[in-house]
Amino acid sequence: MTPRRYYLRKRLASRLTRDGLEAVWHAKQDEVPGEPLAEGFPHRSRLASAGYSTVEDLDGATVKELQQAGLSRREATAVLAALGQ
């Protein structure tokens, strides 16, 4: 698991539990460099809204995880296919 992905998962968990730490995890995630999702990447703006803005954020993601983030099964499948997963 990449550091960005670790911080993203902590951020998403904080969002669900409303423990007040989401902004802290978001800042930590943003401190770690990553390869931005390319223009034209499937559902890029929806992914960014859900917290996924780099390739590293999606490393190891599953269809189920992306569905929980608000994408449909078809959209999640397209995202993973674009990554070669």
PDB file of N, CA and C in Angstrom:
ATOM      1  N   MET A   1       0.850  -1.172   0.000  1.00  0.00           N
ATOM      2  CA  MET A   1       0.000   0.000   0.000  1.00  0.00           C
ATOM      3  C   MET A   1       0.898   1.237   0.000  1.00  0.00           C
ATOM      4  N   THR A   2       0.606   2.141  -0.922  1.00  0.00           N
ATOM      5  CA  THR A   2       1.386   3.372  -0.991  1.00  0.00           C
ATOM      6  C   THR A   2       1.026   4.290   0.176  1.00  0.00           C
ATOM      7  N   PRO A   3       1.940   5.198   0.543  1.00  0.00           N
ATOM      8  CA  PRO A   3       1.602   6.138   1.624  1.00  0.00           C
ATOM      9  C   PRO A   3       0.356   6.970   1.305  1.00  0.00           C
ATOM     10  N   ARG A   4       0.212   7.418   0.063  1.00  0.00           N
ATOM     11  CA  ARG A   4      -0.978   8.196  -0.303  1.00  0.00           C
ATOM     12  C   ARG A   4      -2.242   7.368  -0.084  1.00  0.00           C
ATOM     13  N   ARG A   5      -2.173   6.123  -0.449  1.00  0.00           N
ATOM     14  CA  ARG A   5      -3.342   5.246  -0.306  1.00  0.00           C
ATOM     15  C   ARG A   5      -3.658   5.033   1.183  1.00  0.00           C
ATOM     16  N   TYR A   6      -2.631   4.863   1.982  1.00  0.00           N
ATOM     17  CA  TYR A   6      -2.829   4.706   3.430  1.00  0.00           C
ATOM     18  C   TYR A   6      -3.555   5.928   3.992  1.00  0.00           C
ATOM     19  N   TYR A   7      -3.061   7.113   3.658  1.00  0.00           N
ATOM     20  CA  TYR A   7      -3.689   8.332   4.173  1.00  0.00           C
ATOM     21  C   TYR A   7      -5.103   8.503   3.622  1.00  0.00           C
ATOM     22  N   LEU A   8      -5.314   8.130   2.383  1.00  0.00           N
ATOM     23  CA  LEU A   8      -6.663   8.199   1.813  1.00  0.00           C
ATOM     24  C   LEU A   8      -7.616   7.297   2.584  1.00  0.00           C
ATOM     25  N   ARG A   9      -7.185   6.083   2.872  1.00  0.00           N
ATOM     26  CA  ARG A   9      -8.052   5.156   3.609  1.00  0.00           C
ATOM     27  C   ARG A   9      -8.369   5.693   5.009  1.00  0.00           C
ATOM     28  N   LYS A  10      -7.375   6.285   5.662  1.00  0.00           N
ATOM     29  CA  LYS A  10      -7.613   6.904   6.974  1.00  0.00           C
ATOM     30  C   LYS A  10      -8.589   8.079   6.825  1.00  0.00           C
ATOM     31  N   ARG A  11      -8.413   8.851   5.775  1.00  0.00           N
ATOM     32  CA  ARG A  11      -9.298   9.994   5.502  1.00  0.00           C
ATOM     33  C   ARG A  11     -10.739   9.535   5.300  1.00  0.00           C
ATOM     34  N   LEU A  12     -10.922   8.497   4.486  1.00  0.00           N
ATOM     35  CA  LEU A  12     -12.273   7.996   4.227  1.00  0.00           C
ATOM     36  C   LEU A  12     -12.902   7.405   5.490  1.00  0.00           C
ATOM     37  N   ALA A  13     -12.093   6.738   6.292  1.00  0.00           N
ATOM     38  CA  ALA A  13     -12.610   6.192   7.556  1.00  0.00           C
ATOM     39  C   ALA A  13     -13.024   7.323   8.490  1.00  0.00           C
ATOM     40  N   SER A  14     -12.239   8.384   8.525  1.00  0.00           N
ATOM     41  CA  SER A  14     -12.582   9.536   9.364  1.00  0.00           C
ATOM     42  C   SER A  14     -13.865  10.205   8.885  1.00  0.00           C
ATOM     43  N   ARG A  15     -14.044  10.225   7.566  1.00  0.00           N
ATOM     44  CA  ARG A  15     -15.276  10.793   7.017  1.00  0.00           C
ATOM     45  C   ARG A  15     -16.485  10.003   7.502  1.00  0.00           C
ATOM     46  N   LEU A  16     -16.356   8.695   7.505  1.00  0.00           N
ATOM     47  CA  LEU A  16     -17.476   7.836   7.938  1.00  0.00           C
ATOM     48  C   LEU A  16     -17.752   7.952   9.430  1.00  0.00           C
ATOM     49  N   THR A  17     -16.696   7.989  10.220  1.00  0.00           N
ATOM     50  CA  THR A  17     -16.873   8.018  11.671  1.00  0.00           C
ATOM     51  C   THR A  17     -17.063   9.425  12.216  1.00  0.00           C
ATOM     52  N   ARG A  18     -16.777  10.415  11.368  1.00  0.00           N
ATOM     53  CA  ARG A  18     -16.912  11.817  11.776  1.00  0.00           C
ATOM     54  C   ARG A  18     -16.114  12.123  13.049  1.00  0.00           C
ATOM     55  N   ASP A  19     -14.895  11.620  13.059  1.00  0.00           N
ATOM     56  CA  ASP A  19     -14.044  11.808  14.241  1.00  0.00           C
ATOM     57  C   ASP A  19     -13.296  13.145  14.239  1.00  0.00           C
ATOM     58  N   GLY A  20     -13.510  13.954  13.203  1.00  0.00           N
ATOM     59  CA  GLY A  20     -12.889  15.261  13.135  1.00  0.00           C
ATOM     60  C   GLY A  20     -11.479  15.271  12.585  1.00  0.00           C
ATOM     61  N   LEU A  21     -10.991  14.124  12.121  1.00  0.00           N
ATOM     62  CA  LEU A  21      -9.609  14.041  11.644  1.00  0.00           C
ATOM     63  C   LEU A  21      -9.481  13.979  10.123  1.00  0.00           C
ATOM     64  N   GLU A  22     -10.588  14.074   9.419  1.00  0.00           N
ATOM     65  CA  GLU A  22     -10.527  13.951   7.961  1.00  0.00           C
ATOM     66  C   GLU A  22      -9.569  14.969   7.348  1.00  0.00           C
ATOM     67  N   ALA A  23      -9.613  16.214   7.807  1.00  0.00           N
ATOM     68  CA  ALA A  23      -8.743  17.256   7.260  1.00  0.00           C
ATOM     69  C   ALA A  23      -7.262  16.956   7.529  1.00  0.00           C
ATOM     70  N   VAL A  24      -6.980  16.367   8.668  1.00  0.00           N
ATOM     71  CA  VAL A  24      -5.594  16.001   8.997  1.00  0.00           C
ATOM     72  C   VAL A  24      -5.087  14.958   8.011  1.00  0.00           C
ATOM     73  N   TRP A  25      -5.882  13.916   7.787  1.00  0.00           N
ATOM     74  CA  TRP A  25      -5.480  12.853   6.861  1.00  0.00           C
ATOM     75  C   TRP A  25      -5.409  13.375   5.431  1.00  0.00           C
ATOM     76  N   HIS A  26      -6.311  14.280   5.087  1.00  0.00           N
ATOM     77  CA  HIS A  26      -6.288  14.880   3.754  1.00  0.00           C
ATOM     78  C   HIS A  26      -4.985  15.643   3.548  1.00  0.00           C
ATOM     79  N   ALA A  27      -4.583  16.430   4.528  1.00  0.00           N
ATOM     80  CA  ALA A  27      -3.328  17.182   4.434  1.00  0.00           C
ATOM     81  C   ALA A  27      -2.133  16.242   4.286  1.00  0.00           C
ATOM     82  N   LYS A  28      -2.125  15.163   5.060  1.00  0.00           N
ATOM     83  CA  LYS A  28      -1.024  14.194   4.967  1.00  0.00           C
ATOM     84  C   LYS A  28      -1.000  13.549   3.581  1.00  0.00           C
ATOM     85  N   GLN A  29      -2.177  13.200   3.061  1.00  0.00           N
ATOM     86  CA  GLN A  29      -2.270  12.610   1.725  1.00  0.00           C
ATOM     87  C   GLN A  29      -1.703  13.576   0.684  1.00  0.00           C
ATOM     88  N   ASP A  30      -2.082  14.840   0.781  1.00  0.00           N
ATOM     89  CA  ASP A  30      -1.628  15.835  -0.185  1.00  0.00           C
ATOM     90  C   ASP A  30      -0.129  16.128  -0.085  1.00  0.00           C
ATOM     91  N   GLU A  31       0.482  15.860   1.058  1.00  0.00           N
ATOM     92  CA  GLU A  31       1.928  16.087   1.221  1.00  0.00           C
ATOM     93  C   GLU A  31       2.757  15.073   0.439  1.00  0.00           C
ATOM     94  N   VAL A  32       2.181  13.915   0.155  1.00  0.00           N
ATOM     95  CA  VAL A  32       2.910  12.856  -0.541  1.00  0.00           C
ATOM     96  C   VAL A  32       2.708  13.032  -2.050  1.00  0.00           C
ATOM     97  N   PRO A  33       3.808  13.152  -2.803  1.00  0.00           N
ATOM     98  CA  PRO A  33       3.657  13.336  -4.246  1.00  0.00           C
ATOM     99  C   PRO A  33       3.039  12.106  -4.910  1.00  0.00           C
ATOM    100  N   GLY A  34       2.370  12.355  -6.009  1.00  0.00           N
ATOM    101  CA  GLY A  34       1.780  11.271  -6.774  1.00  0.00           C
ATOM    102  C   GLY A  34       1.567  11.704  -8.210  1.00  0.00           C
ATOM    103  N   GLU A  35       1.320  10.722  -9.056  1.00  0.00           N
ATOM    104  CA  GLU A  35       1.067  10.986 -10.473  1.00  0.00           C
ATOM    105  C   GLU A  35      -0.406  11.343 -10.647  1.00  0.00           C
ATOM    106  N   PRO A  36      -0.707  12.582 -10.999  1.00  0.00           N
ATOM    107  CA  PRO A  36      -2.115  12.978 -11.153  1.00  0.00           C
ATOM    108  C   PRO A  36      -2.819  12.139 -12.207  1.00  0.00           C
ATOM    109  N   LEU A  37      -4.099  11.918 -11.996  1.00  0.00           N
ATOM    110  CA  LEU A  37      -4.888  11.225 -13.007  1.00  0.00           C
ATOM    111  C   LEU A  37      -4.928  12.100 -14.260  1.00  0.00           C
ATOM    112  N   ALA A  38      -4.697  11.498 -15.387  1.00  0.00           N
ATOM    113  CA  ALA A  38      -4.606  12.217 -16.656  1.00  0.00           C
ATOM    114  C   ALA A  38      -5.939  12.847 -17.048  1.00  0.00           C
ATOM    115  N   GLU A  39      -5.841  13.938 -17.788  1.00  0.00           N
ATOM    116  CA  GLU A  39      -7.044  14.523 -18.388  1.00  0.00           C
ATOM    117  C   GLU A  39      -7.701  13.416 -19.213  1.00  0.00           C
ATOM    118  N   GLY A  40      -8.991  13.322 -19.128  1.00  0.00           N
ATOM    119  CA  GLY A  40      -9.702  12.298 -19.874  1.00  0.00           C
ATOM    120  C   GLY A  40      -9.769  10.950 -19.178  1.00  0.00           C
ATOM    121  N   PHE A  41      -9.153  10.826 -18.008  1.00  0.00           N
ATOM    122  CA  PHE A  41      -9.236   9.579 -17.249  1.00  0.00           C
ATOM    123  C   PHE A  41     -10.705   9.347 -16.896  1.00  0.00           C
ATOM    124  N   PRO A  42     -11.191   8.108 -17.020  1.00  0.00           N
ATOM    125  CA  PRO A  42     -12.608   7.853 -16.752  1.00  0.00           C
ATOM    126  C   PRO A  42     -13.044   8.335 -15.361  1.00  0.00           C
ATOM    127  N   HIS A  43     -14.070   9.151 -15.353  1.00  0.00           N
ATOM    128  CA  HIS A  43     -14.718   9.616 -14.111  1.00  0.00           C
ATOM    129  C   HIS A  43     -13.764  10.368 -13.188  1.00  0.00           C
ATOM    130  N   ARG A  44     -12.819  11.056 -13.787  1.00  0.00           N
ATOM    131  CA  ARG A  44     -11.774  11.776 -13.040  1.00  0.00           C
ATOM    132  C   ARG A  44     -12.348  12.760 -12.018  1.00  0.00           C
ATOM    133  N   SER A  45     -13.325  13.550 -12.412  1.00  0.00           N
ATOM    134  CA  SER A  45     -13.856  14.552 -11.480  1.00  0.00           C
ATOM    135  C   SER A  45     -14.610  13.892 -10.324  1.00  0.00           C
ATOM    136  N   ARG A  46     -15.325  12.820 -10.602  1.00  0.00           N
ATOM    137  CA  ARG A  46     -16.033  12.102  -9.536  1.00  0.00           C
ATOM    138  C   ARG A  46     -15.052  11.442  -8.591  1.00  0.00           C
ATOM    139  N   LEU A  47     -13.966  10.902  -9.141  1.00  0.00           N
ATOM    140  CA  LEU A  47     -12.932  10.297  -8.296  1.00  0.00           C
ATOM    141  C   LEU A  47     -12.298  11.347  -7.395  1.00  0.00           C
ATOM    142  N   ALA A  48     -11.991  12.509  -7.966  1.00  0.00           N
ATOM    143  CA  ALA A  48     -11.375  13.577  -7.176  1.00  0.00           C
ATOM    144  C   ALA A  48     -12.302  14.012  -6.044  1.00  0.00           C
ATOM    145  N   SER A  49     -13.585  14.100  -6.323  1.00  0.00           N
ATOM    146  CA  SER A  49     -14.552  14.478  -5.287  1.00  0.00           C
ATOM    147  C   SER A  49     -14.587  13.465  -4.153  1.00  0.00           C
ATOM    148  N   ALA A  50     -14.300  12.216  -4.494  1.00  0.00           N
ATOM    149  CA  ALA A  50     -14.310  11.156  -3.489  1.00  0.00           C
ATOM    150  C   ALA A  50     -12.959  11.003  -2.790  1.00  0.00           C
ATOM    151  N   GLY A  51     -11.920  11.745  -3.258  1.00  0.00           N
ATOM    152  CA  GLY A  51     -10.616  11.689  -2.599  1.00  0.00           C
ATOM    153  C   GLY A  51      -9.515  11.032  -3.405  1.00  0.00           C
ATOM    154  N   TYR A  52      -9.832  10.558  -4.597  1.00  0.00           N
ATOM    155  CA  TYR A  52      -8.860   9.858  -5.440  1.00  0.00           C
ATOM    156  C   TYR A  52      -8.389  10.811  -6.531  1.00  0.00           C
ATOM    157  N   SER A  53      -7.190  11.366  -6.397  1.00  0.00           N
ATOM    158  CA  SER A  53      -6.717  12.327  -7.389  1.00  0.00           C
ATOM    159  C   SER A  53      -5.440  11.891  -8.107  1.00  0.00           C
ATOM    160  N   THR A  54      -4.824  10.810  -7.649  1.00  0.00           N
ATOM    161  CA  THR A  54      -3.587  10.323  -8.280  1.00  0.00           C
ATOM    162  C   THR A  54      -3.695   8.823  -8.546  1.00  0.00           C
ATOM    163  N   VAL A  55      -2.798   8.363  -9.375  1.00  0.00           N
ATOM    164  CA  VAL A  55      -2.711   6.928  -9.671  1.00  0.00           C
ATOM    165  C   VAL A  55      -2.458   6.150  -8.381  1.00  0.00           C
ATOM    166  N   GLU A  56      -1.608   6.699  -7.518  1.00  0.00           N
ATOM    167  CA  GLU A  56      -1.267   6.023  -6.262  1.00  0.00           C
ATOM    168  C   GLU A  56      -2.474   5.873  -5.343  1.00  0.00           C
ATOM    169  N   ASP A  57      -3.412   6.810  -5.405  1.00  0.00           N
ATOM    170  CA  ASP A  57      -4.627   6.708  -4.587  1.00  0.00           C
ATOM    171  C   ASP A  57      -5.467   5.508  -5.001  1.00  0.00           C
ATOM    172  N   LEU A  58      -5.357   5.129  -6.259  1.00  0.00           N
ATOM    173  CA  LEU A  58      -6.157   4.022  -6.792  1.00  0.00           C
ATOM    174  C   LEU A  58      -5.429   2.683  -6.776  1.00  0.00           C
ATOM    175  N   ASP A  59      -4.146   2.696  -6.413  1.00  0.00           N
ATOM    176  CA  ASP A  59      -3.346   1.469  -6.407  1.00  0.00           C
ATOM    177  C   ASP A  59      -3.942   0.454  -5.436  1.00  0.00           C
ATOM    178  N   GLY A  60      -4.459  -0.637  -5.967  1.00  0.00           N
ATOM    179  CA  GLY A  60      -5.059  -1.672  -5.134  1.00  0.00           C
ATOM    180  C   GLY A  60      -6.544  -1.504  -4.882  1.00  0.00           C
ATOM    181  N   ALA A  61      -7.152  -0.464  -5.451  1.00  0.00           N
ATOM    182  CA  ALA A  61      -8.590  -0.254  -5.262  1.00  0.00           C
ATOM    183  C   ALA A  61      -9.375  -1.383  -5.917  1.00  0.00           C
ATOM    184  N   THR A  62     -10.557  -1.632  -5.399  1.00  0.00           N
ATOM    185  CA  THR A  62     -11.435  -2.662  -5.943  1.00  0.00           C
ATOM    186  C   THR A  62     -12.734  -2.022  -6.435  1.00  0.00           C
ATOM    187  N   VAL A  63     -13.477  -2.797  -7.196  1.00  0.00           N
ATOM    188  CA  VAL A  63     -14.779  -2.334  -7.666  1.00  0.00           C
ATOM    189  C   VAL A  63     -15.651  -1.988  -6.469  1.00  0.00           C
ATOM    190  N   LYS A  64     -15.658  -2.842  -5.470  1.00  0.00           N
ATOM    191  CA  LYS A  64     -16.480  -2.607  -4.279  1.00  0.00           C
ATOM    192  C   LYS A  64     -16.100  -1.293  -3.594  1.00  0.00           C
ATOM    193  N   GLU A  65     -14.811  -1.055  -3.433  1.00  0.00           N
ATOM    194  CA  GLU A  65     -14.353   0.186  -2.795  1.00  0.00           C
ATOM    195  C   GLU A  65     -14.824   1.404  -3.575  1.00  0.00           C
ATOM    196  N   LEU A  66     -14.668   1.355  -4.897  1.00  0.00           N
ATOM    197  CA  LEU A  66     -15.063   2.495  -5.719  1.00  0.00           C
ATOM    198  C   LEU A  66     -16.579   2.680  -5.727  1.00  0.00           C
ATOM    199  N   GLN A  67     -17.314   1.596  -5.616  1.00  0.00           N
ATOM    200  CA  GLN A  67     -18.765   1.714  -5.484  1.00  0.00           C
ATOM    201  C   GLN A  67     -19.119   2.400  -4.165  1.00  0.00           C
ATOM    202  N   GLN A  68     -18.409   2.059  -3.107  1.00  0.00           N
ATOM    203  CA  GLN A  68     -18.644   2.700  -1.814  1.00  0.00           C
ATOM    204  C   GLN A  68     -18.301   4.181  -1.877  1.00  0.00           C
ATOM    205  N   ALA A  69     -17.415   4.548  -2.801  1.00  0.00           N
ATOM    206  CA  ALA A  69     -17.041   5.948  -2.985  1.00  0.00           C
ATOM    207  C   ALA A  69     -18.045   6.699  -3.858  1.00  0.00           C
ATOM    208  N   GLY A  70     -19.042   5.979  -4.387  1.00  0.00           N
ATOM    209  CA  GLY A  70     -20.104   6.634  -5.140  1.00  0.00           C
ATOM    210  C   GLY A  70     -20.162   6.333  -6.624  1.00  0.00           C
ATOM    211  N   LEU A  71     -19.250   5.515  -7.125  1.00  0.00           N
ATOM    212  CA  LEU A  71     -19.297   5.156  -8.535  1.00  0.00           C
ATOM    213  C   LEU A  71     -20.200   3.944  -8.734  1.00  0.00           C
ATOM    214  N   SER A  72     -20.758   3.830  -9.917  1.00  0.00           N
ATOM    215  CA  SER A  72     -21.536   2.632 -10.243  1.00  0.00           C
ATOM    216  C   SER A  72     -20.557   1.490 -10.531  1.00  0.00           C
ATOM    217  N   ARG A  73     -21.080   0.290 -10.592  1.00  0.00           N
ATOM    218  CA  ARG A  73     -20.228  -0.869 -10.898  1.00  0.00           C
ATOM    219  C   ARG A  73     -19.555  -0.680 -12.258  1.00  0.00           C
ATOM    220  N   ARG A  74     -20.316  -0.210 -13.226  1.00  0.00           N
ATOM    221  CA  ARG A  74     -19.778  -0.002 -14.569  1.00  0.00           C
ATOM    222  C   ARG A  74     -18.665   1.057 -14.545  1.00  0.00           C
ATOM    223  N   GLU A  75     -18.885   2.153 -13.824  1.00  0.00           N
ATOM    224  CA  GLU A  75     -17.883   3.214 -13.726  1.00  0.00           C
ATOM    225  C   GLU A  75     -16.623   2.712 -13.030  1.00  0.00           C
ATOM    226  N   ALA A  76     -16.801   1.986 -11.941  1.00  0.00           N
ATOM    227  CA  ALA A  76     -15.654   1.449 -11.201  1.00  0.00           C
ATOM    228  C   ALA A  76     -14.847   0.496 -12.071  1.00  0.00           C
ATOM    229  N   THR A  77     -15.530  -0.327 -12.839  1.00  0.00           N
ATOM    230  CA  THR A  77     -14.857  -1.257 -13.745  1.00  0.00           C
ATOM    231  C   THR A  77     -14.059  -0.499 -14.801  1.00  0.00           C
ATOM    232  N   ALA A  78     -14.623   0.592 -15.318  1.00  0.00           N
ATOM    233  CA  ALA A  78     -13.929   1.409 -16.321  1.00  0.00           C
ATOM    234  C   ALA A  78     -12.673   2.050 -15.735  1.00  0.00           C
ATOM    235  N   VAL A  79     -12.761   2.505 -14.489  1.00  0.00           N
ATOM    236  CA  VAL A  79     -11.601   3.117 -13.817  1.00  0.00           C
ATOM    237  C   VAL A  79     -10.490   2.097 -13.683  1.00  0.00           C
ATOM    238  N   LEU A  80     -10.820   0.923 -13.183  1.00  0.00           N
ATOM    239  CA  LEU A  80      -9.795  -0.101 -12.980  1.00  0.00           C
ATOM    240  C   LEU A  80      -9.216  -0.584 -14.306  1.00  0.00           C
ATOM    241  N   ALA A  81     -10.047  -0.654 -15.334  1.00  0.00           N
ATOM    242  CA  ALA A  81      -9.557  -1.046 -16.656  1.00  0.00           C
ATOM    243  C   ALA A  81      -8.570  -0.010 -17.198  1.00  0.00           C
ATOM    244  N   ALA A  82      -8.848   1.253 -16.941  1.00  0.00           N
ATOM    245  CA  ALA A  82      -7.941   2.326 -17.391  1.00  0.00           C
ATOM    246  C   ALA A  82      -6.591   2.233 -16.696  1.00  0.00           C
ATOM    247  N   LEU A  83      -6.583   1.671 -15.496  1.00  0.00           N
ATOM    248  CA  LEU A  83      -5.334   1.478 -14.758  1.00  0.00           C
ATOM    249  C   LEU A  83      -4.622   0.187 -15.150  1.00  0.00           C
ATOM    250  N   GLY A  84      -5.317  -0.633 -15.911  1.00  0.00           N
ATOM    251  CA  GLY A  84      -4.745  -1.920 -16.279  1.00  0.00           C
ATOM    252  C   GLY A  84      -4.929  -2.988 -15.232  1.00  0.00           C
ATOM    253  N   GLN A  85      -5.918  -2.795 -14.349  1.00  0.00           N
ATOM    254  CA  GLN A  85      -6.180  -3.772 -13.277  1.00  0.00           C
ATOM    255  C   GLN A  85      -7.340  -4.662 -13.657  1.00  0.00           C
TER     256      GLN A  85
END
